[in-house]
Amino acid sequence: MADKTAIIDGIEVKIDNEPNLLELIRKAKIDLPTFCYHSEISIAGACRMCMVEVEGMGIVPSCSTRVYDGMKVKTNTKQLRDMRKIIVELMLASHDQSCTTCPKSGTCKLQRIAKQMGIVKVRFKQRTEFPEPDLSSPAIYRDSAKCVLCGDCVRVCKEIQSVGVLDFANRGADAKVTPYFNKGIGDVECVNCGQCIKVCPVGALIPKYQTNEVWNVLLDPEKYVVVQIAPAVRVAIGEYFGFKPGELTTGQMVAALRRLGFDKVYDTSFAADFTVIEEGKEFLDRFAKGEKLPQFTSCCPAWVKYAEQYYPDLLGNLSSCKSPQQMFGSLCKELLSKDMNIPRENIVVVSVMPCTAKKFEAQRPEFSVDGNPDVDFVLTTQELSVMIKERGIKFAELEKEEFDMPFGFKTGAGVIFGSSGGVSEAVLRFAAASLVKGVKLEFTQLRALQGVKTTEVKLGDLKLRLAVVSGLANAKRLIEKVRRGEEHYDLIEVMACCGGCVNGGGQPVSENKSAVHDRAMGLYENDRNLEYHSSDENPYLQKIYADEITEELAHELFHTKYKNRRRIASGDLELSKKHESAKIELSICLGERCFERGAQNLYTQLSQYVRDKGIEDLVNFKASFCTEQCSKGPAVSINGKNLYHCTYDKVVEEIEKCLVKANA
């Protein structure tokens, strides 16, 4: 059977399984510009940059056009080129062009495409008034003045993360992408995962930089500043300096951090070994008792916040262990302040993380002592690369250096935390070493990068069923199956970012489709080259458990509690016209769990009751979106009095009491 082919700009190209014409054009080594196309999310066709001319079809968007045998395509006619130039010029005219001070400068897709189109002058009037940046989030800086309305952030938040805090509002020249009710992104149920940052082609969404704050403490002689480096950073930061994805640059990174002025350079993987021990013990205890299973991992702060918002009934199933970042911060400040006789407030812990959600996690009030945080500042991989460049350090030419001890020693189990499946494999290695002597310490069935992986593992007489899931939409589907009794697992690992921390919101944005896979393989290669592969083998960890901390102190340093989280930070939504003469302020929770328990129907019934009774001017209806009492829904507040497990009759009875009191 003859191969199917298409003719693209006069070149014959074989058709394989390309999902659309754009992929076939890229296969022909033609860099057709796009703003809104990502193979992992749905096709929007919003930017119109990928328009091509197809014989018999006219001008069509290549991203949403299927290929067929004998197709004849032109990608660079005068009409197409003029069309693309006009689109880019219109974007530039409505865009805040403060490019020299934009963190995205040099990697901005609008900047690159404008250059590719040969644009040296914008023919349209430049917009001069722009909205103020959104600073409400500790993790994400949102500057709508730079938004090009591609919708990538909207789709990735809905489709990959099942959160959906961003959407389009208004029409025409007033169109914009915004959180609902025009709130700040930090005031809604954003989980801070940063996947919107990964797909944003411009500087509209970037990590919220803390580089200036870190420079300030590095230059303060009163501060003793230490830094911890997460596993996934070492296989990604090199991409900013000419290395390939997955290439290990730990030695150069340690050397660069010392040149930046850090007093000690440590490894988060050391704390990950503690996480494995604590979480492994917790899991074996739960499994033996048959309680609170499945146990969910709690290393990913975006997943933890998602669970607090959407699955508060499952919080008891989350491991009580802090993440490695927070374990490191609490342990480091505890031991350094004691061993070096330095006041805790003069010790500054800086984290270098692949993850934007770690910025949010570090600011959680429970991760502090008397107001002093366990982790003071969090830099993303991107921010560290900026600091290295600001300092003028020639990263690729540095001689490799080693971490400081003891917090720089780690096992391979701590290193593989950075990839989806790594936490589960590390816990399994500990459990296997605890239960069965001489067992193989690799569980490669957990290493595939697909969104959901399941396996059964036999350890001696025990049979364990595990699930590994990355991407919160995948997690949601899996959890619903568990709830319905369709699936049973003993341990479930959840990471918000597809592929794990190697694909975090603070990592380099790469057009190399194998970058995430290559970074993960770099971590497993690092694991193979280390001396120890099970966390309990770490000699410095053993010494700290034996000499430095009691069981009670270990629980205080390494464990925490989570609780139901309010999804919208402040303010209720008015459901009726506000009456100044109203005697009754009635607020009904329309959050997900209350909604499931009938809050919407209750609101409909109460609205009808108020109309039938003719008291519309006496009642102000509002909607809240979380009373943080999900197990007691539907929840209603009447003049400040909270009612739970509400029925129509129960609320009407309270309204009648309020009316009698008001009349009296």
Foldseek 3Di string as FASTA:
>chain_A
DDFFWEQEPNDIFTDDPDAWQVVSVVVVVDCQDDQQDDPVWDDDCPLVSQWWQWVPPGTDRGRPHHDGGHIYIYRDDPVSLVVNQLSLLVLQQQADPPQVPFLCRPQASSVVVCVVSVPPDRPDHHDDDADDWQPLALWKIAGFSHASPSCNLQGCCCPQFVHRQWDWDDDDPPITIAGPPNDGPNQFQQLQQQVSLLSRRHRRMDTDDPLVVVLVLLPDPLAQEEEEEELLLQQFLCVLQPDARLDGQQQLLLVLVVVSRHNFYFYLLLLLLVVLVLQLVVLVVCVVVVPLPQAEEDQASSVQSVCLAPPQVSQSSYAQFYHSVLLCLLVVLVVCCVVVVRPSLRYAYEYEFQASSVSVVQPDVLQADPPHHSHDYYHYSSNSSVSSVVSVHNSVPDDGDAGDPDRHDHALLSNLQQWFLSSVLQNVLQVLVVQPPPDDSDDCQRHDQDAKGWDWDDRPPDIFIEMTGEGNVSVVVVVVCVVVVVDGGNYYYYHNHRGGRNRTSRGDNDPPPCSSVSSSVSSVVVNVPDDHHHSVPSPVVVCCDVPPDDPVVCCSSTGHGHARDFRRNDDWAWPDPAAPQALKEKEWACADLQVVVPRVVLVVVVVVVCVVVVPRNHYTYTYGHDPSPSVFDRWMAIPNRIDTPDDNVVVVVVVVVSVVVVVD
